[in-house]
N, C-alpha and C. Protein backbone atom coordinates (compact mmCIF):
# COMPACT_ATOMS: atom_id res chain seq x y z
N MET A 1 129.15 78.97 110.83
CA MET A 1 128.20 79.12 109.76
C MET A 1 128.71 80.11 108.72
N GLU A 2 129.57 81.00 109.11
CA GLU A 2 130.10 81.99 108.17
C GLU A 2 130.81 81.31 107.00
N LYS A 3 131.59 80.27 107.30
CA LYS A 3 132.30 79.55 106.24
C LYS A 3 131.32 78.83 105.30
N VAL A 4 130.22 78.33 105.86
CA VAL A 4 129.21 77.65 105.04
C VAL A 4 128.56 78.65 104.09
N HIS A 5 128.21 79.82 104.60
CA HIS A 5 127.60 80.85 103.76
C HIS A 5 128.57 81.33 102.69
N LYS A 6 129.83 81.51 103.05
CA LYS A 6 130.84 81.95 102.08
C LYS A 6 131.01 80.90 100.99
N ALA A 7 131.07 79.65 101.37
CA ALA A 7 131.21 78.57 100.39
C ALA A 7 130.01 78.56 99.45
N SER A 8 128.84 78.76 99.99
CA SER A 8 127.62 78.78 99.17
C SER A 8 127.66 79.95 98.19
N ASN A 9 128.07 81.11 98.66
CA ASN A 9 128.16 82.30 97.79
C ASN A 9 129.21 82.11 96.69
N ASP A 10 130.27 81.37 97.01
CA ASP A 10 131.34 81.11 96.03
C ASP A 10 131.05 79.89 95.18
N LYS A 11 129.83 79.35 95.29
CA LYS A 11 129.42 78.16 94.52
C LYS A 11 130.27 76.94 94.84
N LEU A 12 130.69 76.82 96.10
CA LEU A 12 131.45 75.67 96.57
C LEU A 12 130.51 74.76 97.37
N TYR A 13 130.97 73.57 97.67
CA TYR A 13 130.17 72.61 98.42
C TYR A 13 130.52 72.66 99.90
N SER A 14 129.52 72.42 100.70
CA SER A 14 129.71 72.25 102.15
C SER A 14 128.98 70.98 102.54
N SER A 15 129.54 70.30 103.51
CA SER A 15 128.93 69.06 104.00
C SER A 15 128.88 69.09 105.52
N ALA A 16 127.98 68.31 106.05
CA ALA A 16 127.88 68.15 107.50
C ALA A 16 127.81 66.67 107.81
N LEU A 17 128.44 66.29 108.88
CA LEU A 17 128.43 64.91 109.33
C LEU A 17 127.98 64.89 110.79
N PHE A 18 126.93 64.14 111.05
CA PHE A 18 126.43 64.00 112.41
C PHE A 18 126.53 62.53 112.79
N LEU A 19 127.07 62.27 113.96
CA LEU A 19 127.22 60.90 114.42
C LEU A 19 126.30 60.63 115.60
N ASP A 20 125.57 59.56 115.52
CA ASP A 20 124.79 59.07 116.65
C ASP A 20 125.16 57.60 116.77
N VAL A 21 126.12 57.31 117.61
CA VAL A 21 126.66 55.97 117.70
C VAL A 21 125.86 55.18 118.73
N GLN A 22 125.09 54.22 118.24
CA GLN A 22 124.29 53.39 119.14
C GLN A 22 125.21 52.52 119.98
N GLY A 23 125.00 52.54 121.27
CA GLY A 23 125.83 51.73 122.17
C GLY A 23 127.28 52.19 122.19
N ALA A 24 127.49 53.50 122.04
CA ALA A 24 128.85 54.05 121.93
C ALA A 24 129.75 53.63 123.09
N PHE A 25 129.23 53.70 124.30
CA PHE A 25 130.06 53.38 125.46
C PHE A 25 130.42 51.90 125.51
N ASP A 26 129.65 51.09 124.80
CA ASP A 26 129.91 49.64 124.77
C ASP A 26 131.01 49.26 123.79
N LYS A 27 131.51 50.20 123.02
CA LYS A 27 132.48 49.90 121.97
C LYS A 27 133.90 50.38 122.29
N VAL A 28 134.10 50.93 123.46
CA VAL A 28 135.40 51.52 123.80
C VAL A 28 136.36 50.44 124.31
N LEU A 29 137.45 50.25 123.58
CA LEU A 29 138.50 49.31 123.99
C LEU A 29 139.41 50.02 124.99
N HIS A 30 139.57 49.45 126.15
CA HIS A 30 140.35 50.09 127.21
C HIS A 30 141.78 50.38 126.80
N GLN A 31 142.45 49.41 126.18
CA GLN A 31 143.85 49.60 125.78
C GLN A 31 143.98 50.70 124.74
N ARG A 32 143.07 50.74 123.79
CA ARG A 32 143.10 51.78 122.75
C ARG A 32 142.85 53.16 123.37
N LEU A 33 141.96 53.24 124.33
CA LEU A 33 141.71 54.50 125.02
C LEU A 33 143.00 54.99 125.69
N ALA A 34 143.72 54.10 126.33
CA ALA A 34 145.00 54.47 126.98
C ALA A 34 146.00 54.96 125.94
N GLU A 35 146.06 54.30 124.79
CA GLU A 35 146.98 54.72 123.72
C GLU A 35 146.63 56.11 123.21
N ILE A 36 145.34 56.38 123.03
CA ILE A 36 144.91 57.69 122.55
C ILE A 36 145.20 58.77 123.59
N MET A 37 144.95 58.47 124.85
CA MET A 37 145.24 59.43 125.91
C MET A 37 146.73 59.75 125.95
N THR A 38 147.57 58.73 125.84
CA THR A 38 149.02 58.92 125.85
C THR A 38 149.46 59.74 124.65
N ALA A 39 148.93 59.42 123.47
CA ALA A 39 149.27 60.15 122.25
C ALA A 39 148.85 61.62 122.33
N ASN A 40 147.83 61.91 123.13
CA ASN A 40 147.35 63.28 123.29
C ASN A 40 147.92 63.97 124.53
N ASN A 41 149.02 63.43 125.03
CA ASN A 41 149.78 64.03 126.12
C ASN A 41 149.03 64.17 127.44
N PHE A 42 148.14 63.21 127.71
CA PHE A 42 147.55 63.17 129.04
C PHE A 42 148.65 62.76 130.01
N PRO A 43 148.67 63.30 131.21
CA PRO A 43 149.70 62.90 132.17
C PRO A 43 149.60 61.40 132.47
N PRO A 44 150.74 60.73 132.59
CA PRO A 44 150.72 59.28 132.85
C PRO A 44 149.89 58.90 134.07
N TYR A 45 149.93 59.71 135.13
CA TYR A 45 149.15 59.36 136.33
C TYR A 45 147.65 59.35 136.01
N LEU A 46 147.19 60.22 135.10
CA LEU A 46 145.78 60.27 134.75
C LEU A 46 145.39 59.07 133.89
N VAL A 47 146.26 58.70 132.94
CA VAL A 47 146.02 57.51 132.12
C VAL A 47 145.93 56.28 133.02
N ASP A 48 146.86 56.17 133.96
CA ASP A 48 146.86 55.04 134.90
C ASP A 48 145.60 55.04 135.77
N CYS A 49 145.18 56.21 136.23
CA CYS A 49 143.99 56.31 137.07
C CYS A 49 142.75 55.86 136.30
N ILE A 50 142.61 56.30 135.06
CA ILE A 50 141.46 55.89 134.24
C ILE A 50 141.51 54.40 133.97
N GLN A 51 142.68 53.88 133.64
CA GLN A 51 142.81 52.45 133.37
C GLN A 51 142.51 51.63 134.62
N SER A 52 142.93 52.13 135.77
CA SER A 52 142.63 51.43 137.02
C SER A 52 141.13 51.40 137.26
N ASN A 53 140.46 52.50 136.96
CA ASN A 53 139.02 52.58 137.13
C ASN A 53 138.29 51.62 136.20
N LEU A 54 138.84 51.39 135.01
CA LEU A 54 138.19 50.52 134.02
C LEU A 54 138.60 49.05 134.15
N SER A 55 139.66 48.77 134.89
CA SER A 55 140.15 47.40 134.97
C SER A 55 139.51 46.64 136.13
N ASP A 56 139.75 45.35 136.13
CA ASP A 56 139.23 44.46 137.18
C ASP A 56 137.71 44.53 137.30
N ARG A 57 137.05 44.61 136.15
CA ARG A 57 135.59 44.55 136.10
C ARG A 57 135.21 43.22 135.47
N TYR A 58 134.24 42.57 136.04
CA TYR A 58 133.83 41.24 135.58
C TYR A 58 132.32 41.19 135.42
N VAL A 59 131.88 40.28 134.57
CA VAL A 59 130.46 40.08 134.36
C VAL A 59 130.14 38.59 134.38
N ARG A 60 128.97 38.27 134.88
CA ARG A 60 128.48 36.90 134.85
C ARG A 60 127.02 36.98 134.42
N ILE A 61 126.71 36.31 133.34
CA ILE A 61 125.35 36.39 132.78
C ILE A 61 124.52 35.22 133.27
N THR A 62 123.31 35.55 133.72
CA THR A 62 122.38 34.53 134.17
C THR A 62 120.97 34.92 133.74
N ASP A 63 120.15 33.94 133.46
CA ASP A 63 118.76 34.22 133.11
C ASP A 63 117.80 33.64 134.16
N GLY A 64 118.31 33.25 135.28
CA GLY A 64 117.49 32.70 136.34
C GLY A 64 117.51 31.18 136.35
N ALA A 65 117.54 30.57 135.17
CA ALA A 65 117.54 29.11 135.08
C ALA A 65 118.96 28.58 134.88
N ALA A 66 119.74 29.31 134.15
CA ALA A 66 121.11 28.88 133.86
C ALA A 66 122.02 30.10 133.93
N SER A 67 123.27 29.85 134.18
CA SER A 67 124.23 30.95 134.21
C SER A 67 125.59 30.44 133.77
N GLU A 68 126.45 31.38 133.42
CA GLU A 68 127.82 31.01 133.09
C GLU A 68 128.49 30.51 134.36
N PRO A 69 129.41 29.57 134.23
CA PRO A 69 130.05 29.03 135.43
C PRO A 69 131.03 29.99 136.10
N ALA A 70 131.55 30.95 135.35
CA ALA A 70 132.56 31.83 135.94
C ALA A 70 132.33 33.27 135.47
N PHE A 71 132.94 34.18 136.17
CA PHE A 71 132.88 35.58 135.77
C PHE A 71 133.87 35.81 134.63
N THR A 72 133.50 36.68 133.70
CA THR A 72 134.32 36.99 132.53
C THR A 72 134.85 38.41 132.66
N PRO A 73 136.15 38.64 132.44
CA PRO A 73 136.67 40.00 132.53
C PRO A 73 136.11 40.87 131.40
N ILE A 74 135.85 42.14 131.70
CA ILE A 74 135.36 43.10 130.72
C ILE A 74 136.55 43.92 130.23
N GLN A 75 136.82 43.87 128.92
CA GLN A 75 137.93 44.63 128.35
C GLN A 75 137.44 45.74 127.43
N VAL A 76 136.15 45.77 127.23
CA VAL A 76 135.50 46.79 126.41
C VAL A 76 134.37 47.33 127.26
N VAL A 77 134.00 48.58 127.07
CA VAL A 77 132.88 49.22 127.75
C VAL A 77 133.40 50.25 128.76
N ILE A 78 132.83 51.41 128.70
CA ILE A 78 133.00 52.37 129.78
C ILE A 78 131.66 52.43 130.49
N PRO A 79 131.67 52.58 131.80
CA PRO A 79 130.44 52.44 132.58
C PRO A 79 129.34 53.43 132.19
N GLN A 80 128.15 52.91 132.01
CA GLN A 80 126.97 53.76 131.78
C GLN A 80 126.69 54.54 133.06
N GLY A 81 126.35 55.80 132.92
CA GLY A 81 125.97 56.59 134.08
C GLY A 81 127.13 57.26 134.79
N SER A 82 128.35 56.92 134.43
CA SER A 82 129.50 57.58 135.05
C SER A 82 129.64 58.98 134.45
N PRO A 83 129.92 59.98 135.28
CA PRO A 83 130.10 61.33 134.73
C PRO A 83 131.31 61.43 133.80
N LEU A 84 132.25 60.50 133.92
CA LEU A 84 133.43 60.50 133.05
C LEU A 84 133.17 59.88 131.67
N SER A 85 132.14 59.06 131.55
CA SER A 85 131.93 58.30 130.32
C SER A 85 131.80 59.16 129.06
N PRO A 86 131.01 60.24 129.05
CA PRO A 86 130.96 61.06 127.83
C PRO A 86 132.31 61.65 127.46
N PHE A 87 133.05 62.11 128.46
CA PHE A 87 134.39 62.65 128.21
C PHE A 87 135.31 61.57 127.64
N LEU A 88 135.30 60.39 128.25
CA LEU A 88 136.17 59.31 127.77
C LEU A 88 135.80 58.89 126.35
N PHE A 89 134.52 58.88 126.02
CA PHE A 89 134.12 58.55 124.65
C PHE A 89 134.59 59.63 123.68
N ASN A 90 134.51 60.89 124.07
CA ASN A 90 135.01 61.96 123.20
C ASN A 90 136.51 61.82 122.96
N VAL A 91 137.25 61.49 124.00
CA VAL A 91 138.69 61.27 123.84
C VAL A 91 138.92 60.09 122.90
N TYR A 92 138.16 59.02 123.10
CA TYR A 92 138.31 57.79 122.30
C TYR A 92 138.02 58.06 120.83
N SER A 93 137.04 58.89 120.55
CA SER A 93 136.66 59.15 119.16
C SER A 93 137.42 60.33 118.55
N SER A 94 138.27 60.99 119.31
CA SER A 94 138.98 62.18 118.82
C SER A 94 139.86 61.92 117.59
N PRO A 95 140.43 60.73 117.39
CA PRO A 95 141.22 60.53 116.17
C PRO A 95 140.42 60.75 114.88
N LEU A 96 139.10 60.66 114.95
CA LEU A 96 138.28 60.93 113.77
C LEU A 96 138.47 62.36 113.29
N CYS A 97 138.83 63.25 114.19
CA CYS A 97 138.97 64.67 113.85
C CYS A 97 140.40 65.07 113.50
N HIS A 98 141.35 64.17 113.57
CA HIS A 98 142.75 64.54 113.42
C HIS A 98 143.27 64.49 112.00
N ASN A 99 142.62 63.78 111.09
CA ASN A 99 143.18 63.59 109.76
C ASN A 99 142.57 64.51 108.71
N HIS A 100 141.74 65.44 109.11
CA HIS A 100 141.06 66.28 108.14
C HIS A 100 142.01 67.20 107.38
N GLN A 101 143.08 67.69 108.01
CA GLN A 101 143.96 68.65 107.36
C GLN A 101 144.72 68.04 106.19
N ARG A 102 145.17 66.82 106.35
CA ARG A 102 145.91 66.20 105.23
C ARG A 102 144.99 65.90 104.06
N LEU A 103 143.68 65.87 104.31
CA LEU A 103 142.70 65.66 103.24
C LEU A 103 142.25 66.97 102.63
N GLY A 104 142.75 68.11 103.16
CA GLY A 104 142.35 69.40 102.64
C GLY A 104 140.93 69.79 103.01
N VAL A 105 140.48 69.34 104.17
CA VAL A 105 139.10 69.58 104.59
C VAL A 105 139.13 70.50 105.81
N ASP A 106 138.25 71.51 105.81
CA ASP A 106 138.07 72.34 107.00
C ASP A 106 137.13 71.64 107.95
N LEU A 107 137.48 71.58 109.19
CA LEU A 107 136.64 70.93 110.20
C LEU A 107 136.24 71.97 111.22
N ILE A 108 134.94 72.13 111.39
CA ILE A 108 134.41 73.06 112.39
C ILE A 108 133.67 72.25 113.42
N VAL A 109 134.10 72.33 114.64
CA VAL A 109 133.47 71.54 115.71
C VAL A 109 132.71 72.48 116.62
């Protein structure tokens, strides 16, 4: 807040951005998550462990009267209710915070 007050006193602008991503966990691409983890120097064994946890998941939709004939692999989505899901979403969305310096913007998290 100190920087916001200083900017205000110096007649400069300050902005705030708040994100509330509806269905955030439903938008995570597994392969992209692995790429981001690798780019952020996560140990390979941890990237592999997370990918193993997210892989080989299937869904079959039914409404009681009709259903899909086969199970469909899930390549997007991190599990709801998993204690890891908020952390994995933060890792997945972290590139949003990486380009602020080249734009000359101060980022306070």
